[in-house]
N, C-alpha and C. Protein backbone atom coordinates (compact mmCIF):
# COMPACT_ATOMS: atom_id res chain seq x y z
N MET A 1 91.86 11.32 19.78
CA MET A 1 91.54 12.71 19.69
C MET A 1 90.47 13.03 20.73
N LYS A 2 90.71 14.07 21.47
CA LYS A 2 89.81 14.45 22.54
C LYS A 2 88.88 15.56 22.05
N THR A 3 87.58 15.40 22.31
CA THR A 3 86.62 16.43 21.91
C THR A 3 86.39 17.39 23.06
N ASN A 4 86.11 18.59 22.71
CA ASN A 4 85.86 19.63 23.69
C ASN A 4 84.36 19.71 23.95
N ASN A 5 83.93 19.45 25.15
CA ASN A 5 82.52 19.48 25.52
C ASN A 5 82.15 20.75 26.27
N TYR A 6 82.89 21.80 26.00
CA TYR A 6 82.64 23.05 26.70
C TYR A 6 81.30 23.64 26.28
N GLN A 7 80.48 23.99 27.25
CA GLN A 7 79.22 24.67 27.00
C GLN A 7 79.19 25.93 27.86
N PRO A 8 79.01 27.06 27.25
CA PRO A 8 79.01 28.30 28.04
C PRO A 8 77.80 28.35 28.96
N GLU A 9 78.01 28.95 30.11
CA GLU A 9 76.91 29.10 31.06
C GLU A 9 76.04 30.27 30.62
N PRO A 10 74.73 30.18 30.84
CA PRO A 10 73.86 31.29 30.45
C PRO A 10 74.15 32.53 31.28
N CYS A 11 73.98 33.67 30.67
CA CYS A 11 74.19 34.94 31.37
C CYS A 11 73.10 35.14 32.40
N ASN A 12 73.47 35.76 33.49
CA ASN A 12 72.50 36.05 34.54
C ASN A 12 71.80 37.39 34.33
N ASP A 13 72.42 38.27 33.52
CA ASP A 13 71.76 39.56 33.32
C ASP A 13 70.61 39.41 32.32
N ASP A 14 69.62 40.25 32.44
CA ASP A 14 68.43 40.18 31.62
C ASP A 14 68.56 41.15 30.44
N ALA A 15 69.33 40.77 29.45
CA ALA A 15 69.61 41.65 28.31
C ALA A 15 68.35 41.92 27.50
N ASP A 16 67.47 40.94 27.39
CA ASP A 16 66.24 41.14 26.61
C ASP A 16 65.36 42.19 27.26
N ALA A 17 65.27 42.19 28.56
CA ALA A 17 64.44 43.18 29.25
C ALA A 17 65.03 44.57 29.10
N ARG A 18 66.35 44.67 29.15
CA ARG A 18 66.98 45.99 28.97
C ARG A 18 66.81 46.49 27.55
N ALA A 19 66.91 45.61 26.58
CA ALA A 19 66.78 46.01 25.18
C ALA A 19 65.36 46.48 24.87
N SER A 20 64.36 45.93 25.53
CA SER A 20 62.98 46.34 25.24
C SER A 20 62.68 47.73 25.78
N ASN A 21 63.51 48.26 26.68
CA ASN A 21 63.30 49.60 27.21
C ASN A 21 63.78 50.69 26.26
N PHE A 22 64.61 50.33 25.30
CA PHE A 22 65.15 51.31 24.37
C PHE A 22 64.40 51.26 23.05
N PRO A 23 64.05 52.41 22.49
CA PRO A 23 63.38 52.39 21.18
C PRO A 23 64.35 51.98 20.09
N THR A 24 63.83 51.33 19.08
CA THR A 24 64.68 50.94 17.97
C THR A 24 64.85 52.13 17.04
N LEU A 25 65.75 52.00 16.11
CA LEU A 25 66.02 53.07 15.16
C LEU A 25 64.79 53.36 14.31
N LEU A 26 64.07 52.32 13.91
CA LEU A 26 62.87 52.52 13.09
C LEU A 26 61.76 53.22 13.86
N ASP A 27 61.66 52.98 15.17
CA ASP A 27 60.63 53.63 15.98
C ASP A 27 60.79 55.13 15.98
N SER A 28 62.01 55.62 15.86
CA SER A 28 62.22 57.06 15.89
C SER A 28 61.82 57.72 14.57
N PHE A 29 61.77 56.96 13.48
CA PHE A 29 61.41 57.52 12.19
C PHE A 29 59.96 57.26 11.80
N PHE A 30 59.44 56.07 12.09
CA PHE A 30 58.11 55.68 11.65
C PHE A 30 57.29 55.18 12.82
N SER A 31 56.02 55.46 12.79
CA SER A 31 55.13 54.86 13.77
C SER A 31 54.80 53.46 13.29
N PRO A 32 54.36 52.58 14.18
CA PRO A 32 54.00 51.21 13.76
C PRO A 32 52.91 51.20 12.70
N TRP A 33 52.01 52.16 12.75
CA TRP A 33 50.92 52.23 11.76
C TRP A 33 51.49 52.52 10.37
N GLU A 34 52.48 53.41 10.28
CA GLU A 34 53.07 53.75 8.99
C GLU A 34 53.88 52.59 8.42
N LEU A 35 54.49 51.80 9.27
CA LEU A 35 55.27 50.65 8.79
C LEU A 35 54.36 49.57 8.21
N ALA A 36 53.20 49.37 8.80
CA ALA A 36 52.31 48.30 8.37
C ALA A 36 51.48 48.69 7.16
N LYS A 37 51.20 49.97 7.00
CA LYS A 37 50.32 50.42 5.94
C LYS A 37 51.08 50.60 4.63
N LYS A 38 50.63 49.93 3.58
CA LYS A 38 51.22 50.07 2.26
C LYS A 38 50.14 50.62 1.34
N LYS A 39 50.54 51.53 0.47
CA LYS A 39 49.60 52.14 -0.46
C LYS A 39 49.85 51.60 -1.85
N TYR A 40 48.77 51.28 -2.54
CA TYR A 40 48.86 50.74 -3.88
C TYR A 40 48.00 51.55 -4.83
N SER A 41 48.37 51.50 -6.09
CA SER A 41 47.60 52.11 -7.16
C SER A 41 47.54 51.12 -8.31
N TYR A 42 46.54 51.26 -9.15
CA TYR A 42 46.39 50.39 -10.31
C TYR A 42 46.58 51.20 -11.58
N ILE A 43 47.38 50.65 -12.48
CA ILE A 43 47.60 51.27 -13.79
C ILE A 43 47.30 50.23 -14.86
N TRP A 44 47.05 50.70 -16.07
CA TRP A 44 46.81 49.76 -17.15
C TRP A 44 47.56 50.19 -18.40
N GLN A 45 47.74 49.22 -19.31
CA GLN A 45 48.45 49.44 -20.57
C GLN A 45 47.47 49.18 -21.71
N CYS A 46 47.39 50.11 -22.62
CA CYS A 46 46.47 50.00 -23.76
C CYS A 46 46.93 48.89 -24.69
N CYS A 47 46.02 47.98 -25.04
CA CYS A 47 46.37 46.89 -25.94
C CYS A 47 46.36 47.34 -27.40
N ALA A 48 45.73 48.49 -27.68
CA ALA A 48 45.66 48.97 -29.05
C ALA A 48 46.95 49.67 -29.49
N CYS A 49 47.48 50.57 -28.65
CA CYS A 49 48.67 51.33 -29.06
C CYS A 49 49.89 51.06 -28.20
N GLY A 50 49.73 50.41 -27.03
CA GLY A 50 50.86 50.08 -26.17
C GLY A 50 51.19 51.16 -25.15
N CYS A 51 50.40 52.23 -25.11
CA CYS A 51 50.63 53.29 -24.13
C CYS A 51 50.51 52.70 -22.72
N ALA A 52 51.49 52.98 -21.86
CA ALA A 52 51.53 52.36 -20.53
C ALA A 52 51.34 53.39 -19.43
N SER A 53 51.18 52.90 -18.21
CA SER A 53 51.06 53.70 -16.99
C SER A 53 49.86 54.63 -17.01
N ILE A 54 48.74 54.13 -17.49
CA ILE A 54 47.50 54.91 -17.49
C ILE A 54 46.78 54.62 -16.19
N ASN A 55 46.34 55.66 -15.50
CA ASN A 55 45.63 55.49 -14.24
C ASN A 55 44.33 54.71 -14.47
N ILE A 56 43.99 53.84 -13.53
CA ILE A 56 42.82 52.98 -13.65
C ILE A 56 41.52 53.78 -13.73
N SER A 57 41.52 55.00 -13.21
CA SER A 57 40.30 55.82 -13.24
C SER A 57 40.02 56.38 -14.64
N SER A 58 41.00 56.31 -15.53
CA SER A 58 40.81 56.76 -16.91
C SER A 58 40.22 55.62 -17.72
N ALA A 59 39.04 55.84 -18.31
CA ALA A 59 38.36 54.79 -19.07
C ALA A 59 38.90 54.64 -20.47
N THR A 60 39.51 55.68 -21.01
CA THR A 60 40.05 55.61 -22.36
C THR A 60 41.53 55.94 -22.36
N CYS A 61 42.21 55.49 -23.38
CA CYS A 61 43.64 55.74 -23.54
C CYS A 61 43.84 57.20 -23.95
N PRO A 62 44.73 57.92 -23.27
CA PRO A 62 44.96 59.32 -23.64
C PRO A 62 45.71 59.47 -24.97
N SER A 63 46.35 58.39 -25.43
CA SER A 63 47.12 58.45 -26.66
C SER A 63 46.25 58.19 -27.89
N CYS A 64 45.50 57.08 -27.88
CA CYS A 64 44.73 56.71 -29.07
C CYS A 64 43.22 56.83 -28.88
N GLY A 65 42.76 56.98 -27.65
CA GLY A 65 41.32 57.14 -27.40
C GLY A 65 40.55 55.83 -27.28
N ALA A 66 41.24 54.69 -27.37
CA ALA A 66 40.57 53.40 -27.26
C ALA A 66 40.12 53.16 -25.82
N ALA A 67 38.96 52.53 -25.66
CA ALA A 67 38.45 52.22 -24.33
C ALA A 67 39.20 51.03 -23.75
N ARG A 68 39.35 51.03 -22.42
CA ARG A 68 40.01 49.91 -21.75
C ARG A 68 39.15 48.67 -21.89
N CYS A 69 39.75 47.56 -22.29
CA CYS A 69 39.00 46.32 -22.48
C CYS A 69 39.63 45.20 -21.66
N ALA A 70 39.13 44.00 -21.82
CA ALA A 70 39.62 42.84 -21.06
C ALA A 70 41.03 42.45 -21.47
N TYR A 71 41.49 42.89 -22.65
CA TYR A 71 42.82 42.53 -23.13
C TYR A 71 43.90 43.53 -22.69
N CYS A 72 43.49 44.66 -22.16
CA CYS A 72 44.45 45.65 -21.64
C CYS A 72 44.99 45.13 -20.31
N GLN A 73 46.29 45.12 -20.18
CA GLN A 73 46.93 44.59 -18.97
C GLN A 73 46.82 45.59 -17.83
N THR A 74 46.32 45.13 -16.67
CA THR A 74 46.21 45.94 -15.48
C THR A 74 47.26 45.48 -14.47
N THR A 75 47.94 46.43 -13.82
CA THR A 75 49.02 46.12 -12.89
C THR A 75 48.83 46.88 -11.57
N LYS A 76 49.07 46.21 -10.47
CA LYS A 76 49.03 46.82 -9.15
C LYS A 76 50.45 47.27 -8.81
N VAL A 77 50.62 48.56 -8.50
CA VAL A 77 51.94 49.09 -8.17
C VAL A 77 51.90 49.73 -6.79
N GLN A 78 53.01 49.62 -6.06
CA GLN A 78 53.10 50.23 -4.74
C GLN A 78 53.56 51.67 -4.89
N VAL A 79 52.85 52.57 -4.23
CA VAL A 79 53.21 53.99 -4.26
C VAL A 79 53.70 54.41 -2.88
N GLN A 80 54.43 55.51 -2.82
CA GLN A 80 54.96 55.96 -1.54
C GLN A 80 54.14 57.03 -0.94
């Protein structure tokens, strides 16, 4: 059985240089700063009544009035 040792020759045209001259699809919609920047918010869940999605700036639960404690679960969520 004969094996094929064919290896293609490299292209002489500079495709990478030509491609770098054209903006990508994402460049037309977002700036590089907007792509890299992610926004997060923190919410917590009351351990007394189970009320969820309470903003971290609220010290007490809007449902039962209990203060946020070490047992209340805090979660980091990505916002748009």
